[in-house]
Amino acid sequence: MPGGAGQPTEDVAPSQMSPAILRRLARGTMHSPVGIAITDKDGYLEWSNLTFSRLTGQDAADLQGRHPVEVVVAPACGAAEADRLRSAVDAGDPVNINCTQLRADGSPGWISFRMGPGNAADEDAYYLVAIEDITEQVRHEEEARRAAQHAEAFAEALRSERELLASVLATIPHVVFWKDTDHRYLGCNEAYARLRGLEHEGELTGRQEADLHSDPLGAFIADMEVRVLESGAPVVDHSITVPTAEGQTRMMVFSLLPRHTDGPAPAGVIGVGADFTRMTALERQLATATRLESIGQLAAGLAHEINTPIQYVSDNALFLADSFTDVLEALRSIANLARGAEQAPGPGSGAPTTEDLRVRLGLVVDGLDLDFLASEIPDALEQTLEGVARVAEIVRAMKEFSHPGQGRVDTDINRAVESTVQVCRNEWKYVAEMRLDLDPALGLVPCYEGELKQVILNLVVNAAHAITERREQTDDPALGRIEITTRRDGELIRISITDTGTGMDETTKQRIFDPFFTTKDVGKGTGQGLAMAHSCIVGRHGGSIDVVTRPGCGTTFHVELPATVDGVTPKSPATAGGW
């Protein structure tokens, strides 16, 4: 046997192969999955296997004598490419090209065409041709290329998103941080690092609150994150006052959210904080301005309310002054007669006789009209006293309403309602009847008295305006009705204000507590009344304010306040004023 193991061997001539080997070789070549063909020395087909016929769509007999380039390449790549390849073949160069092909089922496909010299000897020269359907290979390569492009695009998008997120975190006016389940910082934005007194956010990564300097904010965050990790529920909108390095304070509101990955349990927390110091200051200024505006608008009404009793006090005082002048003049005349100061007319006449005195007294008394004075003077005095009492009542109500209170103090809610209703009387008395149903057992309630009165005032004035609008729409002169009730319900105090005004549709109802939203005409409403009411009741008192309404059926506002603060119930008022 020529050659040893691992050594190259010489080609075995067909004459040296056994018939069985030759049969197997012929059968294997004929049924090869690769299309195989043999040409003569000029490149024209002499033999092809079954796969070659299948891929070209022509029988072996039809293929014989034709050039493979014309059969395979020319239909797909055109005459110019075919001429180029034939020139290469004629020059003895091997060719290798992939070209498109319309497959037997009519679908587009790809075919690989390879052709090269099989034997360089002139006496037995030939070319070997191999074609193969590479459609699936091309498709897989195309899919791989598209997948690579998609991955590159995704990576680029992810890089852009990361850059955008980093830019957002660096520029937003909020502070942001995130931690793992071991309470270690994984990252934060620059604003949070500055808030914690650090120069760069990298100084916080991997550290716990115990590793930082102790401050109220760190303790606050540590407490919140324990609650989030234990419950898996977010803790939102908790406020804290944070001291700054400059010795000032900042009002912050923080929310901590669970940070989830694949599992159901939180993988850590994400914290977000906002500085609302300026907003709080603006809200206080706006609340003060709104309150002053309300008092200013009520001033004209109060002037009118005071003017009415003052007018009849003035008229009665003038009447009493005139009557007193007449009575005083009569008394002087009577006194003169009693002293005998008046003498009978005519020379030489003596002292007046009794008859003369009787006649003269009768004239004086008749001039006074005693029956009229006896009837009118008591009425004038009574009306004057009523007018003075009415003015005193209005002034007292205004004084009580204007009293801002000193923080959250125990307040007689019923008295607050009465004084507020009295102050805004001019707003409702021409359009509605006022009914008060105040629970005498309500007791004192801890609240911000001045702010609560402002809420009641806004609701009553809105009710009066709604009734006015309904009367204008229906052309109905009948007075509407405003009813205010107070009730104690366990640990809650409920104040309900009901009107028979126009009511509201669902869309309006959903927006009434939004700042600057108003349904009133320009100049008649700022859209701040109900927003301030919601902020006062919910934010300041920890209560709730709800509305029940329907178009054309009036509106009821329910205000609920906690009856206690930290479990302490105020004592009942010693006296409760009536209205």
Protein backbone atom coordinates (compact mmCIF):
# COMPACT_ATOMS: atom_id res chain seq x y z
CA MET A 1 0.00 0.00 0.00
CA PRO A 2 1.49 3.30 -1.02
CA GLY A 3 2.26 5.75 1.79
CA GLY A 4 2.05 5.19 5.50
CA ALA A 5 -0.44 6.28 8.14
CA GLY A 6 -0.92 9.98 8.12
CA GLN A 7 0.97 10.31 4.84
CA PRO A 8 -0.61 11.60 1.59
CA THR A 9 -1.42 9.00 -1.02
CA GLU A 10 -1.53 9.22 -4.79
CA ASP A 11 -4.86 9.43 -6.63
CA VAL A 12 -6.38 6.04 -7.30
CA ALA A 13 -7.18 5.58 -10.97
CA PRO A 14 -10.70 4.30 -11.79
CA SER A 15 -9.05 1.28 -13.41
CA GLN A 16 -7.66 0.38 -10.03
CA MET A 17 -11.11 0.58 -8.31
CA SER A 18 -13.27 -2.46 -7.96
CA PRO A 19 -16.58 -2.52 -9.84
CA ALA A 20 -18.43 -2.32 -6.52
CA ILE A 21 -16.57 0.83 -5.54
CA LEU A 22 -17.23 2.38 -8.93
CA ARG A 23 -20.94 1.59 -8.65
CA ARG A 24 -21.13 3.13 -5.22
CA LEU A 25 -19.23 6.21 -6.40
CA ALA A 26 -21.53 6.65 -9.36
CA ARG A 27 -24.65 6.16 -7.24
CA GLY A 28 -23.42 8.58 -4.57
CA THR A 29 -22.50 11.21 -7.15
CA MET A 30 -25.84 10.87 -8.92
CA HIS A 31 -27.82 11.35 -5.71
CA SER A 32 -25.54 13.90 -4.03
CA PRO A 33 -27.35 16.83 -2.33
CA VAL A 34 -24.98 19.07 -4.29
CA GLY A 35 -25.62 19.55 -7.98
CA ILE A 36 -22.58 18.16 -9.84
CA ALA A 37 -21.79 18.38 -13.55
CA ILE A 38 -18.81 17.64 -15.79
CA THR A 39 -17.99 19.54 -18.97
CA ASP A 40 -15.66 18.97 -21.89
CA LYS A 41 -12.45 20.89 -22.31
CA ASP A 42 -14.37 23.85 -23.79
CA GLY A 43 -16.73 24.05 -20.83
CA TYR A 44 -19.84 22.50 -22.33
CA LEU A 45 -21.85 20.09 -20.24
CA GLU A 46 -21.39 16.36 -20.83
CA TRP A 47 -22.93 14.92 -17.65
CA SER A 48 -24.91 16.14 -14.63
CA ASN A 49 -26.48 14.47 -11.62
CA LEU A 50 -30.11 14.54 -10.56
CA THR A 51 -29.65 17.46 -8.12
CA PHE A 52 -28.14 19.58 -10.90
CA SER A 53 -31.21 18.94 -13.04
CA ARG A 54 -33.54 19.68 -10.14
CA LEU A 55 -31.83 22.95 -9.25
CA THR A 56 -31.72 24.15 -12.87
CA GLY A 57 -35.16 22.83 -13.66
CA GLN A 58 -33.98 21.04 -16.81
CA ASP A 59 -33.39 17.40 -17.77
CA ALA A 60 -29.90 16.06 -18.20
CA ALA A 61 -30.53 15.57 -21.91
CA ASP A 62 -31.54 19.20 -22.33
CA LEU A 63 -28.49 20.35 -20.42
CA GLN A 64 -25.98 18.40 -22.47
CA GLY A 65 -23.92 20.59 -24.76
CA ARG A 66 -24.80 23.82 -22.99
CA HIS A 67 -22.44 26.02 -21.01
CA PRO A 68 -23.14 26.03 -17.21
CA VAL A 69 -22.68 29.80 -17.02
CA GLU A 70 -25.46 30.29 -19.57
CA VAL A 71 -27.70 27.80 -17.75
CA VAL A 72 -27.22 29.00 -14.14
CA VAL A 73 -25.68 32.49 -14.04
CA ALA A 74 -27.08 34.28 -17.08
CA PRO A 75 -30.81 34.05 -16.03
CA ALA A 76 -30.04 35.48 -12.59
CA CYS A 77 -27.13 37.88 -13.13
CA GLY A 78 -27.58 38.99 -16.71
CA ALA A 79 -25.54 38.66 -19.91
CA ALA A 80 -22.72 40.97 -18.88
CA GLU A 81 -21.92 39.00 -15.74
CA ALA A 82 -22.23 35.75 -17.70
CA ASP A 83 -19.70 36.98 -20.31
CA ARG A 84 -17.27 37.96 -17.58
CA LEU A 85 -17.47 34.57 -15.91
CA ARG A 86 -17.09 32.72 -19.24
CA SER A 87 -13.94 34.69 -19.92
CA ALA A 88 -12.60 33.70 -16.51
CA VAL A 89 -13.45 30.04 -17.16
CA ASP A 90 -11.82 30.13 -20.57
CA ALA A 91 -8.70 31.57 -18.94
CA GLY A 92 -8.63 28.56 -16.63
CA ASP A 93 -9.59 30.53 -13.51
CA PRO A 94 -12.03 29.00 -11.05
CA VAL A 95 -15.22 30.98 -10.46
CA ASN A 96 -17.37 31.14 -7.34
CA ILE A 97 -20.53 33.22 -7.23
CA ASN A 98 -23.84 33.33 -5.37
CA CYS A 99 -26.87 34.41 -7.35
CA THR A 100 -30.60 34.54 -6.99
CA GLN A 101 -32.86 31.95 -8.51
CA LEU A 102 -36.55 31.36 -8.84
CA ARG A 103 -37.17 28.05 -7.13
CA ALA A 104 -39.43 25.30 -8.45
CA ASP A 105 -42.28 26.34 -6.12
CA GLY A 106 -42.06 29.89 -7.43
CA SER A 107 -40.42 31.33 -4.31
CA PRO A 108 -37.19 33.33 -4.59
CA GLY A 109 -34.01 31.56 -3.55
CA TRP A 110 -30.24 31.65 -3.66
CA ILE A 111 -27.85 29.27 -5.44
CA SER A 112 -24.07 28.88 -5.13
CA PHE A 113 -22.23 28.35 -8.44
CA ARG A 114 -18.67 27.03 -8.51
CA MET A 115 -16.76 25.99 -11.67
CA GLY A 116 -13.13 25.15 -12.16
CA PRO A 117 -10.74 22.98 -14.16
CA GLY A 118 -10.86 19.32 -13.18
CA ASN A 119 -7.69 18.19 -15.01
CA ALA A 120 -5.05 20.30 -16.64
CA ALA A 121 -3.89 17.63 -19.10
CA ASP A 122 -4.85 18.65 -22.61
CA GLU A 123 -5.68 15.11 -23.70
CA ASP A 124 -8.22 14.69 -20.84
CA ALA A 125 -9.13 18.28 -19.88
CA TYR A 126 -12.56 18.95 -18.35
CA TYR A 127 -14.32 21.31 -15.93
CA LEU A 128 -16.08 20.35 -12.72
CA VAL A 129 -19.25 22.30 -11.86
CA ALA A 130 -20.99 22.32 -8.47
CA ILE A 131 -24.22 24.15 -7.63
CA GLU A 132 -25.98 24.18 -4.27
CA ASP A 133 -29.21 25.67 -2.92
CA ILE A 134 -28.03 28.07 -0.23
CA THR A 135 -31.36 29.77 0.32
CA GLU A 136 -31.64 28.68 3.96
CA GLN A 137 -28.01 29.59 4.57
CA VAL A 138 -28.54 33.05 3.08
CA ARG A 139 -31.74 33.42 5.07
CA HIS A 140 -29.99 32.48 8.30
CA GLU A 141 -27.14 34.85 7.49
CA GLU A 142 -29.65 37.63 6.74
CA GLU A 143 -31.49 36.94 9.97
CA ALA A 144 -28.19 36.94 11.83
CA ARG A 145 -27.26 40.23 10.16
CA ARG A 146 -30.64 41.76 11.06
CA ALA A 147 -30.32 40.44 14.60
CA ALA A 148 -26.87 41.98 14.86
CA GLN A 149 -28.21 45.28 13.51
CA HIS A 150 -31.14 45.12 15.92
CA ALA A 151 -28.77 44.37 18.80
CA GLU A 152 -26.56 47.28 17.77
CA ALA A 153 -29.59 49.56 17.47
CA PHE A 154 -30.89 48.34 20.85
CA ALA A 155 -27.50 48.88 22.43
CA GLU A 156 -27.36 52.39 20.94
CA ALA A 157 -30.90 53.11 22.13
CA LEU A 158 -30.01 51.76 25.57
CA ARG A 159 -26.91 53.94 25.64
CA SER A 160 -28.99 56.96 24.61
CA GLU A 161 -31.61 56.12 27.23
CA ARG A 162 -28.93 55.85 29.88
CA GLU A 163 -27.45 59.17 28.84
CA LEU A 164 -30.92 60.74 28.85
CA LEU A 165 -31.73 59.23 32.25
CA ALA A 166 -28.41 60.48 33.62
CA SER A 167 -29.10 63.92 32.18
CA VAL A 168 -32.63 63.97 33.63
CA LEU A 169 -31.43 62.84 37.05
CA ALA A 170 -28.71 65.49 36.98
CA THR A 171 -30.99 68.36 35.97
CA ILE A 172 -34.39 67.76 37.59
CA PRO A 173 -35.08 69.86 40.71
CA HIS A 174 -35.99 66.70 42.65
CA VAL A 175 -33.67 64.46 44.66
CA VAL A 176 -33.50 60.77 43.69
CA PHE A 177 -31.71 57.78 45.21
CA TRP A 178 -31.98 54.00 45.13
CA LYS A 179 -30.87 51.26 47.55
CA ASP A 180 -30.66 47.47 47.79
CA THR A 181 -32.27 45.24 50.41
CA ASP A 182 -29.25 45.70 52.71
CA HIS A 183 -30.06 49.40 52.87
CA ARG A 184 -26.92 50.26 50.90
CA TYR A 185 -26.98 53.08 48.39
CA LEU A 186 -26.68 51.90 44.79
CA GLY A 187 -26.78 55.41 43.37
CA CYS A 188 -28.30 58.87 43.54
CA ASN A 189 -28.39 62.09 41.60
CA GLU A 190 -26.19 65.08 42.30
CA ALA A 191 -28.99 67.02 43.99
CA TYR A 192 -29.41 64.32 46.64
CA ALA A 193 -25.65 64.12 47.22
CA ARG A 194 -25.57 67.88 47.84
CA LEU A 195 -28.55 67.59 50.16
CA ARG A 196 -26.63 65.04 52.25
CA GLY A 197 -23.57 67.30 52.34
CA LEU A 198 -21.48 65.32 49.82
CA GLU A 199 -19.57 66.72 46.87
CA HIS A 200 -20.28 63.88 44.44
CA GLU A 201 -22.86 61.12 44.15
CA GLY A 202 -20.10 58.49 44.00
CA GLU A 203 -19.32 59.17 47.67
CA LEU A 204 -22.68 57.66 48.62
CA THR A 205 -22.52 54.40 46.65
CA GLY A 206 -22.19 51.28 48.84
CA ARG A 207 -22.78 53.15 52.09
CA GLN A 208 -25.58 52.81 54.64
CA GLU A 209 -27.20 55.53 56.73
CA ALA A 210 -25.03 54.46 59.67
CA ASP A 211 -21.94 55.27 57.59
CA LEU A 212 -23.08 58.86 57.08
CA HIS A 213 -23.27 61.72 59.54
CA SER A 214 -26.37 61.49 61.70
CA ASP A 215 -29.15 63.87 60.76
CA PRO A 216 -32.97 63.91 60.89
CA LEU A 217 -33.24 63.22 57.16
CA GLY A 218 -31.15 60.03 57.40
CA ALA A 219 -33.25 58.72 60.29
CA PHE A 220 -36.42 59.65 58.42
CA ILE A 221 -35.34 57.77 55.29
CA ALA A 222 -34.14 54.74 57.27
CA ASP A 223 -37.53 54.45 58.97
CA MET A 224 -39.42 54.79 55.68
CA GLU A 225 -37.32 52.22 53.80
CA VAL A 226 -37.84 49.61 56.53
CA ARG A 227 -41.59 50.03 56.15
CA VAL A 228 -41.38 49.71 52.36
CA LEU A 229 -39.19 46.57 52.41
CA GLU A 230 -41.35 44.89 55.05
CA SER A 231 -44.72 45.65 53.45
CA GLY A 232 -43.77 45.85 49.78
CA ALA A 233 -46.06 48.90 49.52
CA PRO A 234 -44.93 52.44 48.68
CA VAL A 235 -44.84 55.20 51.27
CA VAL A 236 -45.71 58.46 49.55
CA ASP A 237 -45.83 62.18 50.25
CA HIS A 238 -44.29 62.35 53.71
CA SER A 239 -42.99 65.80 54.61
CA ILE A 240 -39.96 66.74 56.67
CA THR A 241 -38.12 69.95 57.50
CA VAL A 242 -34.47 69.64 56.49
CA PRO A 243 -31.84 72.04 57.90
CA THR A 244 -29.30 73.35 55.39
CA ALA A 245 -25.61 74.14 55.80
CA GLU A 246 -26.46 77.85 55.59
CA GLY A 247 -28.60 77.61 58.73
CA GLN A 248 -31.89 77.77 56.84
CA THR A 249 -34.61 75.14 56.59
CA ARG A 250 -36.17 73.50 53.57
CA MET A 251 -39.59 71.89 53.42
CA MET A 252 -39.22 68.52 51.66
CA VAL A 253 -41.77 65.87 50.70
CA PHE A 254 -40.44 62.32 50.19
CA SER A 255 -41.85 59.16 48.63
CA LEU A 256 -40.20 55.72 48.84
CA LEU A 257 -41.20 53.05 46.33
CA PRO A 258 -40.32 49.35 46.19
CA ARG A 259 -37.74 48.54 43.50
CA HIS A 260 -38.71 45.29 41.76
CA THR A 261 -36.61 43.08 39.45
CA ASP A 262 -37.70 39.53 38.61
CA GLY A 263 -39.06 38.24 41.90
CA PRO A 264 -42.20 39.30 43.78
CA ALA A 265 -40.24 40.65 46.74
CA PRO A 266 -38.70 44.13 46.52
CA ALA A 267 -35.05 44.18 45.46
CA GLY A 268 -34.60 47.50 47.19
CA VAL A 269 -36.17 50.96 47.31
CA ILE A 270 -36.27 54.05 45.14
CA GLY A 271 -36.60 57.39 46.90
CA VAL A 272 -37.85 60.64 45.38
CA GLY A 273 -37.95 63.97 47.20
CA ALA A 274 -39.17 67.41 46.23
CA ASP A 275 -38.39 70.78 47.77
CA PHE A 276 -41.63 72.70 48.22
CA THR A 277 -40.29 75.45 50.47
CA ARG A 278 -41.07 78.14 47.92
CA MET A 279 -44.43 76.57 47.14
CA THR A 280 -45.35 76.52 50.81
CA ALA A 281 -44.45 80.19 51.13
CA LEU A 282 -46.47 81.03 48.02
CA GLU A 283 -49.42 79.04 49.34
CA ARG A 284 -49.33 80.98 52.58
CA GLN A 285 -49.14 84.26 50.69
CA LEU A 286 -51.96 83.18 48.39
CA ALA A 287 -54.08 82.05 51.32
CA THR A 288 -53.55 85.40 53.02
CA ALA A 289 -54.32 87.27 49.82
CA THR A 290 -57.45 85.19 49.27
CA ARG A 291 -58.57 85.81 52.83
CA LEU A 292 -58.00 89.55 52.53
CA GLU A 293 -59.78 89.53 49.18
CA SER A 294 -62.77 87.80 50.75
CA ILE A 295 -62.85 90.27 53.61
CA GLY A 296 -62.55 93.13 51.13
CA GLN A 297 -65.48 91.77 49.11
CA LEU A 298 -67.50 91.41 52.29
CA ALA A 299 -66.78 94.98 53.35
CA ALA A 300 -69.36 96.44 50.96
CA GLY A 301 -71.94 93.94 52.15
CA LEU A 302 -71.16 94.65 55.77
CA ALA A 303 -71.41 98.38 55.12
CA HIS A 304 -74.86 97.77 53.63
CA GLU A 305 -75.83 95.52 56.54
CA ILE A 306 -74.74 98.15 59.04
CA ASN A 307 -76.26 101.00 57.03
CA THR A 308 -79.80 99.61 57.33
CA PRO A 309 -80.01 99.63 61.16
CA ILE A 310 -77.96 102.81 61.32
CA GLN A 311 -80.48 104.46 58.98
CA TYR A 312 -83.48 103.80 61.16
CA VAL A 313 -81.47 104.57 64.30
CA SER A 314 -80.67 107.93 62.71
CA ASP A 315 -84.30 108.54 61.64
CA ASN A 316 -85.61 107.65 65.09
CA ALA A 317 -82.97 109.81 66.76
CA LEU A 318 -84.03 112.79 64.62
CA PHE A 319 -87.68 112.12 65.49
CA LEU A 320 -86.84 111.89 69.19
CA ALA A 321 -84.79 115.10 68.96
CA ASP A 322 -87.66 116.99 67.31
CA SER A 323 -90.16 115.57 69.80
CA PHE A 324 -87.89 116.44 72.71
CA THR A 325 -87.58 120.03 71.42
CA ASP A 326 -91.38 120.37 71.27
CA VAL A 327 -91.84 118.82 74.74
CA LEU A 328 -89.09 121.00 76.21
CA GLU A 329 -90.66 124.14 74.76
CA ALA A 330 -94.04 123.12 76.18
CA LEU A 331 -92.49 122.44 79.58
CA ARG A 332 -90.90 125.87 79.55
CA SER A 333 -94.26 127.45 78.75
CA ILE A 334 -95.89 125.48 81.55
CA ALA A 335 -93.11 126.48 83.95
CA ASN A 336 -93.60 130.14 83.09
CA LEU A 337 -97.32 129.88 83.68
CA ALA A 338 -96.73 128.16 86.98
CA ARG A 339 -94.47 130.96 88.12
CA GLY A 340 -96.99 133.58 87.07
CA ALA A 341 -94.40 135.02 84.71
CA GLU A 342 -96.91 135.75 82.04
CA GLN A 343 -99.30 138.66 82.62
CA ALA A 344 -102.67 139.26 81.04
CA PRO A 345 -102.49 141.55 78.00
CA GLY A 346 -103.64 145.14 78.25
CA PRO A 347 -102.77 148.03 80.55
CA GLY A 348 -103.59 147.75 84.23
CA SER A 349 -104.53 144.10 84.09
CA GLY A 350 -103.94 141.94 87.16
CA ALA A 351 -102.69 138.36 87.66
CA PRO A 352 -104.13 135.76 85.26
CA THR A 353 -107.23 134.09 86.45
CA THR A 354 -107.58 130.34 86.81
CA GLU A 355 -109.63 130.25 83.67
CA ASP A 356 -106.89 132.06 81.79
CA LEU A 357 -104.31 129.54 83.02
CA ARG A 358 -106.53 126.62 82.05
CA VAL A 359 -107.04 128.00 78.56
CA ARG A 360 -103.33 128.70 78.08
CA LEU A 361 -102.29 125.25 79.40
CA GLY A 362 -104.83 123.69 77.08
CA LEU A 363 -103.27 125.47 74.12
CA VAL A 364 -99.77 124.28 75.12
CA VAL A 365 -100.88 120.66 75.57
CA ASP A 366 -102.91 120.63 72.37
CA GLY A 367 -99.83 121.79 70.48
CA LEU A 368 -97.84 118.73 71.69
CA ASP A 369 -100.23 116.03 70.34
CA LEU A 370 -99.63 113.81 73.37
CA ASP A 371 -101.45 110.79 71.89
CA PHE A 372 -99.07 110.71 68.90
CA LEU A 373 -95.98 111.11 71.09
CA ALA A 374 -97.18 108.46 73.55
CA SER A 375 -97.57 106.03 70.65
CA GLU A 376 -94.45 106.78 68.60
CA ILE A 377 -91.72 107.59 71.13
CA PRO A 378 -91.66 104.06 72.74
CA ASP A 379 -91.56 102.49 69.27
CA ALA A 380 -88.76 104.82 68.22
CA LEU A 381 -86.75 103.96 71.33
CA GLU A 382 -87.32 100.23 70.81
CA GLN A 383 -86.27 100.40 67.16
CA THR A 384 -83.20 102.43 68.09
CA LEU A 385 -82.12 99.84 70.63
CA GLU A 386 -82.73 97.07 68.09
CA GLY A 387 -80.62 98.90 65.53
CA VAL A 388 -77.78 99.41 67.98
CA ALA A 389 -77.95 95.72 68.96
CA ARG A 390 -77.92 94.71 65.28
CA VAL A 391 -74.83 96.84 64.60
CA ALA A 392 -73.12 95.39 67.68
CA GLU A 393 -73.99 91.87 66.50
CA ILE A 394 -72.51 92.50 63.04
CA VAL A 395 -69.36 94.03 64.50
CA ARG A 396 -68.98 91.15 66.95
CA ALA A 397 -69.43 88.59 64.15
CA MET A 398 -66.88 90.39 62.00
CA LYS A 399 -64.45 90.53 64.90
CA GLU A 400 -64.87 86.80 65.54
CA PHE A 401 -64.54 85.95 61.86
CA SER A 402 -61.42 88.07 61.44
CA HIS A 403 -59.70 86.56 64.46
CA PRO A 404 -56.97 84.33 62.98
CA GLY A 405 -56.50 82.19 66.07
CA GLN A 406 -53.19 80.98 67.46
CA GLY A 407 -52.38 77.75 65.64
CA ARG A 408 -54.55 74.69 66.18
CA VAL A 409 -56.79 75.51 69.13
CA ASP A 410 -59.99 74.11 70.60
CA THR A 411 -62.77 75.82 68.69
CA ASP A 412 -66.54 76.08 69.06
CA ILE A 413 -67.50 74.97 65.54
CA ASN A 414 -71.13 76.05 65.95
CA ARG A 415 -70.12 79.56 66.93
CA ALA A 416 -67.68 79.68 64.02
CA VAL A 417 -70.49 78.75 61.64
CA GLU A 418 -72.82 81.37 63.13
CA SER A 419 -70.31 84.22 62.93
CA THR A 420 -69.34 83.31 59.38
CA VAL A 421 -72.96 83.18 58.25
CA GLN A 422 -73.57 86.53 59.90
CA VAL A 423 -70.58 88.13 58.17
CA CYS A 424 -71.62 87.03 54.69
CA ARG A 425 -75.32 87.68 55.25
CA ASN A 426 -75.43 90.26 52.46
CA GLU A 427 -74.27 87.57 50.00
CA TRP A 428 -77.20 85.23 50.63
CA LYS A 429 -80.11 87.10 52.24
CA TYR A 430 -81.54 88.36 48.92
CA VAL A 431 -81.39 84.97 47.16
CA ALA A 432 -81.84 82.27 49.80
CA GLU A 433 -83.21 81.35 53.18
CA MET A 434 -80.56 80.26 55.67
CA ARG A 435 -81.28 77.27 57.90
CA LEU A 436 -78.89 76.23 60.65
CA ASP A 437 -79.15 72.81 62.27
CA LEU A 438 -76.25 72.85 64.71
CA ASP A 439 -75.65 69.97 67.10
CA PRO A 440 -75.55 71.46 70.64
CA ALA A 441 -73.50 68.45 71.83
CA LEU A 442 -70.79 69.03 69.25
CA GLY A 443 -68.26 70.27 71.78
CA LEU A 444 -64.92 71.90 71.09
CA VAL A 445 -62.87 70.69 68.15
CA PRO A 446 -59.10 71.21 67.67
CA CYS A 447 -58.68 73.14 64.42
CA TYR A 448 -57.21 76.19 62.75
CA GLU A 449 -60.15 78.47 63.45
CA GLY A 450 -59.42 81.26 60.98
CA GLU A 451 -58.80 78.86 58.09
CA LEU A 452 -61.92 76.82 58.90
CA LYS A 453 -64.06 79.98 58.89
CA GLN A 454 -62.60 80.85 55.49
CA VAL A 455 -63.62 77.41 54.19
CA ILE A 456 -67.18 77.83 55.48
CA LEU A 457 -67.32 81.33 54.01
CA ASN A 458 -66.22 80.09 50.57
CA LEU A 459 -68.78 77.28 50.58
CA VAL A 460 -71.65 79.56 51.66
CA VAL A 461 -70.77 82.25 49.10
CA ASN A 462 -70.48 79.60 46.36
CA ALA A 463 -73.88 78.25 47.39
CA ALA A 464 -75.41 81.73 47.14
CA HIS A 465 -73.87 82.26 43.69
CA ALA A 466 -75.17 78.86 42.51
CA ILE A 467 -78.69 79.75 43.67
CA THR A 468 -78.44 83.13 41.95
CA GLU A 469 -77.41 81.39 38.72
CA ARG A 470 -80.34 78.94 38.98
CA ARG A 471 -82.84 81.78 39.52
CA GLU A 472 -81.48 83.58 36.47
CA GLN A 473 -81.63 80.45 34.33
CA THR A 474 -85.17 79.50 35.37
CA ASP A 475 -86.47 83.07 35.78
CA ASP A 476 -87.85 81.94 39.16
CA PRO A 477 -88.07 84.74 41.76
CA ALA A 478 -88.54 82.30 44.67
CA LEU A 479 -85.79 82.25 47.26
CA GLY A 480 -83.51 79.26 47.34
CA ARG A 481 -82.33 77.46 50.45
CA ILE A 482 -78.95 77.06 52.13
CA GLU A 483 -78.80 74.61 55.01
CA ILE A 484 -75.83 74.06 57.31
CA THR A 485 -75.74 71.13 59.70
CA THR A 486 -73.12 70.00 62.21
CA ARG A 487 -72.95 66.51 63.67
CA ARG A 488 -70.56 64.39 65.71
CA ASP A 489 -69.98 60.89 64.34
CA GLY A 490 -67.70 59.06 66.77
CA GLU A 491 -64.23 60.54 66.31
CA LEU A 492 -65.32 62.69 63.39
CA ILE A 493 -67.03 66.07 63.17
CA ARG A 494 -69.13 66.54 60.03
CA ILE A 495 -70.16 69.94 58.64
CA SER A 496 -72.60 69.74 55.72
CA ILE A 497 -73.56 72.72 53.55
CA THR A 498 -76.45 72.10 51.15
CA ASP A 499 -77.84 74.48 48.54
CA THR A 500 -80.62 74.39 45.95
CA GLY A 501 -78.44 75.85 43.22
CA THR A 502 -77.59 74.68 39.72
CA GLY A 503 -75.55 71.64 40.75
CA MET A 504 -72.59 70.30 38.76
CA ASP A 505 -71.98 67.69 36.09
CA GLU A 506 -69.42 64.89 36.61
CA THR A 507 -66.69 66.64 34.59
CA THR A 508 -66.93 69.82 36.68
CA LYS A 509 -67.14 67.80 39.89
CA GLN A 510 -63.83 66.09 39.11
CA ARG A 511 -62.02 69.44 38.74
CA ILE A 512 -63.53 71.71 41.40
CA PHE A 513 -60.55 71.31 43.75
CA ASP A 514 -57.98 72.06 41.02
CA PRO A 515 -56.19 75.39 41.53
CA PHE A 516 -57.43 78.21 39.26
CA PHE A 517 -60.38 76.15 37.96
CA THR A 518 -63.62 78.10 38.05
CA THR A 519 -66.97 78.05 36.28
CA LYS A 520 -67.68 81.69 37.10
CA ASP A 521 -67.33 84.58 34.68
CA VAL A 522 -64.06 86.47 34.46
CA GLY A 523 -63.71 88.81 37.42
CA LYS A 524 -66.17 86.85 39.59
CA GLY A 525 -63.94 83.98 40.63
CA THR A 526 -60.24 83.17 40.87
CA GLY A 527 -60.56 79.39 41.12
CA GLN A 528 -58.72 79.40 44.47
CA GLY A 529 -61.57 79.08 46.99
CA LEU A 530 -62.18 75.33 46.79
CA ALA A 531 -58.50 74.57 46.18
CA MET A 532 -57.68 76.40 49.42
CA ALA A 533 -60.58 74.62 51.16
CA HIS A 534 -59.22 71.23 50.13
CA SER A 535 -55.68 72.16 51.19
CA CYS A 536 -56.95 73.41 54.57
CA ILE A 537 -59.26 70.50 55.40
CA VAL A 538 -57.15 67.64 54.01
CA GLY A 539 -53.62 69.00 54.31
CA ARG A 540 -53.82 71.08 57.48
CA HIS A 541 -56.52 69.28 59.48
CA GLY A 542 -56.09 65.71 58.22
CA GLY A 543 -59.79 65.57 57.39
CA SER A 544 -61.74 65.16 54.18
CA ILE A 545 -64.01 67.21 51.95
CA ASP A 546 -66.44 65.58 49.55
CA VAL A 547 -69.22 66.80 47.29
CA VAL A 548 -72.54 65.25 46.29
CA THR A 549 -74.13 66.99 43.34
CA ARG A 550 -76.19 66.58 40.21
CA PRO A 551 -77.07 69.11 37.51
CA GLY A 552 -80.25 70.96 38.44
CA CYS A 553 -80.52 69.29 41.85
CA GLY A 554 -78.24 71.39 44.02
CA THR A 555 -75.01 70.54 45.81
CA THR A 556 -73.96 69.30 49.24
CA PHE A 557 -70.43 69.64 50.57
CA HIS A 558 -69.45 67.33 53.43
CA VAL A 559 -66.50 68.50 55.52
CA GLU A 560 -65.14 66.01 58.05
CA LEU A 561 -62.65 66.91 60.78
CA PRO A 562 -61.00 64.68 63.38
CA ALA A 563 -62.55 65.32 66.78
CA THR A 564 -59.26 64.64 68.52
CA VAL A 565 -55.55 65.28 67.96
CA ASP A 566 -53.15 62.62 69.24
CA GLY A 567 -56.02 60.99 71.11
CA VAL A 568 -56.82 64.07 73.24
CA THR A 569 -60.45 65.20 73.27
CA PRO A 570 -61.06 68.91 74.08
CA LYS A 571 -63.46 69.88 76.83
CA SER A 572 -66.93 71.05 75.90
CA PRO A 573 -67.49 74.81 75.67
CA ALA A 574 -68.80 76.45 78.79
CA THR A 575 -71.30 78.47 76.79
CA ALA A 576 -72.48 78.30 73.24
CA GLY A 577 -73.82 81.34 71.49
CA GLY A 578 -77.12 81.19 69.60
CA TRP A 579 -77.96 82.58 66.22
